[in-house]
């Protein structure tokens, strides 16, 4: 949890970066310039309502001021800095193409599946949406009771609250896909 000094400092930096005065934030947020100054100096903490109004006046997502680690508004992942993780059960790898941004809900990855492998033994469901573009090979998706085989260049999009899974359709070659998903609350 951020302390009030760090929260105030973030608000001040965001205000100054936009060349806004305390008075202009007062006019936009409906909070006195004196109170905003006290918040920026770490003398007091804003209520949730005040933080939402200040964030709106600054054109920021409120999460920008609450994240433990200060996050930039833009996610840039160079090819040299991509994180590659192993999928469960030696199913393949996941390369993250995006990092977190405040309030961000979208994740992009390249998933490479070993021949005949799936990262999960069973279908699962969760909040959000998922989409994929097949980059190479064949991937079989199971969404609810439907089995869908996709080849290179094919794409799929579905609500992730429907029970779903995916498997490399080839028994001899890797398959890969560009994977887009909204951040899920829990599995």
Protein backbone atom coordinates (compact mmCIF):
# COMPACT_ATOMS: atom_id res chain seq x y z
CA UNK A 1 0.00 0.00 0.00
CA UNK A 2 1.34 3.43 -0.93
CA UNK A 3 1.91 5.91 1.83
CA UNK A 4 0.28 9.33 1.56
CA UNK A 5 3.60 11.07 0.78
CA UNK A 6 4.21 8.88 -2.31
CA UNK A 7 0.58 9.23 -3.42
CA UNK A 8 0.80 13.01 -3.09
CA UNK A 9 4.10 13.08 -4.94
CA UNK A 10 2.61 11.12 -7.86
CA UNK A 11 -0.33 13.50 -8.07
CA UNK A 12 1.99 16.51 -8.08
CA UNK A 13 4.28 15.01 -10.76
CA UNK A 14 1.27 14.21 -12.96
CA UNK A 15 -0.11 17.73 -12.52
CA UNK A 16 3.22 19.40 -13.27
CA UNK A 17 3.84 17.15 -16.30
CA UNK A 18 0.62 18.54 -17.80
CA UNK A 19 1.57 22.10 -16.80
CA UNK A 20 -1.59 22.45 -14.72
CA UNK A 21 -1.99 24.72 -11.71
CA UNK A 22 -3.66 23.81 -8.45
CA UNK A 23 -6.43 26.24 -9.41
CA UNK A 24 -7.06 24.46 -12.73
CA UNK A 25 -7.37 21.10 -10.92
CA UNK A 26 -9.68 22.79 -8.40
CA UNK A 27 -11.93 23.93 -11.25
CA UNK A 28 -11.94 20.50 -12.95
CA UNK A 29 -12.18 18.27 -9.88
CA UNK A 30 -14.31 20.45 -7.61
CA UNK A 31 -11.76 20.13 -4.79
CA UNK A 32 -10.15 23.19 -3.22
CA UNK A 33 -6.61 24.05 -4.32
CA UNK A 34 -5.65 24.15 -0.63
CA UNK A 35 -6.83 20.56 -0.11
CA UNK A 36 -5.05 19.38 -3.27
CA UNK A 37 -1.87 21.07 -2.04
CA UNK A 38 -2.16 19.24 1.30
CA UNK A 39 -2.58 15.95 -0.56
CA UNK A 40 0.44 16.66 -2.79
CA UNK A 41 2.59 17.46 0.26
CA UNK A 42 1.56 14.21 1.97
CA UNK A 43 -0.22 16.04 4.79
CA UNK A 44 -3.53 14.21 4.15
CA UNK A 45 -4.88 11.39 2.03
CA UNK A 46 -7.67 11.93 -0.48
CA UNK A 47 -10.94 10.09 -0.10
CA UNK A 48 -11.68 7.60 -2.87
CA UNK A 49 -14.13 10.08 -4.41
CA UNK A 50 -11.56 12.88 -4.32
CA UNK A 51 -8.91 10.63 -5.87
CA UNK A 52 -11.29 9.68 -8.68
CA UNK A 53 -12.04 13.37 -9.40
CA UNK A 54 -8.34 14.35 -9.26
CA UNK A 55 -7.41 11.46 -11.57
CA UNK A 56 -10.13 12.53 -14.00
CA UNK A 57 -8.89 16.13 -13.95
CA UNK A 58 -5.38 14.86 -14.72
CA UNK A 59 -6.56 12.50 -17.47
CA UNK A 60 -5.17 9.49 -15.61
CA UNK A 61 -6.65 6.17 -14.61
CA UNK A 62 -6.98 6.13 -10.80
CA UNK A 63 -4.85 2.96 -10.74
CA UNK A 64 -1.88 5.11 -11.79
CA UNK A 65 -1.87 6.61 -8.31
CA UNK A 66 -2.40 3.34 -6.44
CA UNK A 67 -0.04 0.82 -8.05
CA UNK A 68 2.79 -0.26 -5.74
CA UNK A 69 5.31 0.33 -8.50
CA UNK A 70 4.80 3.47 -10.56
CA UNK A 71 3.88 2.33 -14.05
CA UNK A 72 4.22 4.25 -17.29
CA UNK A 73 1.26 5.02 -19.51
CA UNK A 74 2.85 3.14 -22.41
CA UNK A 75 4.09 -0.46 -22.52
CA UNK A 76 7.13 -1.04 -24.72
CA UNK A 77 8.71 -4.48 -24.86
CA UNK A 78 11.68 -4.80 -27.17
CA UNK A 79 12.59 -8.18 -28.61
CA UNK A 80 15.67 -8.24 -26.37
CA UNK A 81 13.58 -7.66 -23.24
CA UNK A 82 10.78 -10.16 -23.84
CA UNK A 83 10.20 -12.50 -20.95
CA UNK A 84 9.88 -16.13 -21.99
CA UNK A 85 8.23 -18.47 -19.51
CA UNK A 86 7.72 -22.22 -19.59
CA UNK A 87 4.13 -23.43 -19.67
CA UNK A 88 3.02 -26.12 -17.20
CA UNK A 89 3.73 -29.73 -18.08
CA UNK A 90 6.41 -28.87 -20.64
CA UNK A 91 3.56 -27.75 -22.92
CA UNK A 92 5.68 -25.00 -24.50
CA UNK A 93 6.50 -21.35 -23.86
CA UNK A 94 4.80 -18.01 -23.38
CA UNK A 95 6.54 -14.78 -24.45
CA UNK A 96 5.03 -11.61 -22.97
CA UNK A 97 4.59 -8.81 -25.53
CA UNK A 98 3.08 -6.31 -23.09
CA UNK A 99 3.69 -5.15 -19.56
CA UNK A 100 1.27 -3.55 -17.14
CA UNK A 101 0.04 0.00 -17.53
CA UNK A 102 -2.21 1.69 -14.97
CA UNK A 103 -5.73 0.35 -15.32
CA UNK A 104 -4.63 -1.76 -18.28
CA UNK A 105 -6.81 -4.75 -19.05
CA UNK A 106 -5.14 -6.16 -22.18
CA UNK A 107 -2.31 -8.65 -22.33
CA UNK A 108 -0.55 -9.87 -25.47
CA UNK A 109 1.73 -12.88 -25.73
CA UNK A 110 3.15 -15.36 -28.20
CA UNK A 111 2.36 -18.88 -27.09
CA UNK A 112 4.33 -21.75 -28.62
CA UNK A 113 2.95 -25.23 -27.96
CA UNK A 114 4.99 -28.43 -28.10
CA UNK A 115 3.60 -31.20 -30.36
CA UNK A 116 0.28 -32.54 -29.04
CA UNK A 117 0.53 -30.50 -25.83
CA UNK A 118 -1.87 -28.31 -23.88
CA UNK A 119 -0.96 -26.12 -20.88
CA UNK A 120 -4.07 -27.37 -19.00
CA UNK A 121 -5.47 -30.87 -18.67
CA UNK A 122 -9.08 -29.64 -18.48
CA UNK A 123 -11.25 -26.81 -19.73
CA UNK A 124 -11.35 -23.75 -17.51
CA UNK A 125 -13.26 -20.48 -17.39
CA UNK A 126 -12.75 -17.01 -15.95
CA UNK A 127 -13.83 -13.41 -16.42
CA UNK A 128 -12.73 -11.65 -19.63
CA UNK A 129 -12.20 -12.20 -23.33
CA UNK A 130 -9.57 -14.10 -25.27
CA UNK A 131 -8.50 -13.96 -28.90
CA UNK A 132 -5.80 -15.70 -30.88
CA UNK A 133 -4.21 -15.52 -34.33
CA UNK A 134 -2.49 -18.74 -35.37
CA UNK A 135 1.06 -17.90 -36.47
CA UNK A 136 2.18 -21.43 -37.38
CA UNK A 137 0.88 -24.97 -37.25
CA UNK A 138 -2.55 -26.11 -36.09
CA UNK A 139 -4.25 -25.45 -32.76
CA UNK A 140 -7.48 -27.08 -31.61
CA UNK A 141 -9.73 -24.99 -29.38
CA UNK A 142 -12.50 -26.42 -27.24
CA UNK A 143 -15.05 -23.73 -26.36
CA UNK A 144 -18.05 -25.05 -24.43
CA UNK A 145 -19.01 -28.18 -26.40
CA UNK A 146 -17.55 -27.01 -29.72
CA UNK A 147 -14.22 -28.23 -31.12
CA UNK A 148 -12.59 -25.77 -33.53
CA UNK A 149 -9.43 -26.55 -35.50
CA UNK A 150 -7.50 -23.48 -36.63
CA UNK A 151 -4.55 -23.31 -39.01
CA UNK A 152 -1.95 -20.65 -39.76
CA UNK A 153 -3.65 -17.31 -40.43
CA UNK A 154 -6.95 -18.30 -38.76
CA UNK A 155 -8.24 -16.39 -35.73
CA UNK A 156 -10.67 -16.89 -32.86
CA UNK A 157 -12.32 -14.67 -30.22
CA UNK A 158 -14.57 -15.81 -27.34
CA UNK A 159 -15.82 -14.90 -23.89
CA UNK A 160 -13.52 -16.61 -21.40
CA UNK A 161 -16.40 -17.36 -19.01
CA UNK A 162 -17.28 -20.20 -21.42
CA UNK A 163 -15.37 -23.39 -20.52
CA UNK A 164 -12.40 -23.52 -22.89
CA UNK A 165 -9.01 -25.06 -23.62
CA UNK A 166 -6.55 -25.35 -26.49
CA UNK A 167 -4.09 -27.98 -27.71
CA UNK A 168 -1.44 -28.18 -30.40
CA UNK A 169 -3.19 -30.16 -33.14
CA UNK A 170 0.08 -31.53 -34.51
CA UNK A 171 1.76 -34.59 -32.98
CA UNK A 172 5.10 -33.81 -34.67
CA UNK A 173 5.61 -30.02 -34.88
CA UNK A 174 5.34 -26.95 -32.67
CA UNK A 175 2.45 -24.56 -33.23
CA UNK A 176 2.36 -20.90 -32.20
CA UNK A 177 -0.21 -18.16 -31.78
CA UNK A 178 -0.47 -14.49 -30.99
CA UNK A 179 -2.55 -14.48 -27.81
CA UNK A 180 -4.65 -11.53 -26.62
CA UNK A 181 -6.58 -11.58 -23.39
CA UNK A 182 -8.14 -9.23 -20.96
CA UNK A 183 -6.62 -9.41 -17.50
CA UNK A 184 -8.44 -12.04 -15.51
CA UNK A 185 -9.50 -11.61 -11.93
CA UNK A 186 -8.90 -15.25 -11.04
CA UNK A 187 -8.69 -18.71 -12.60
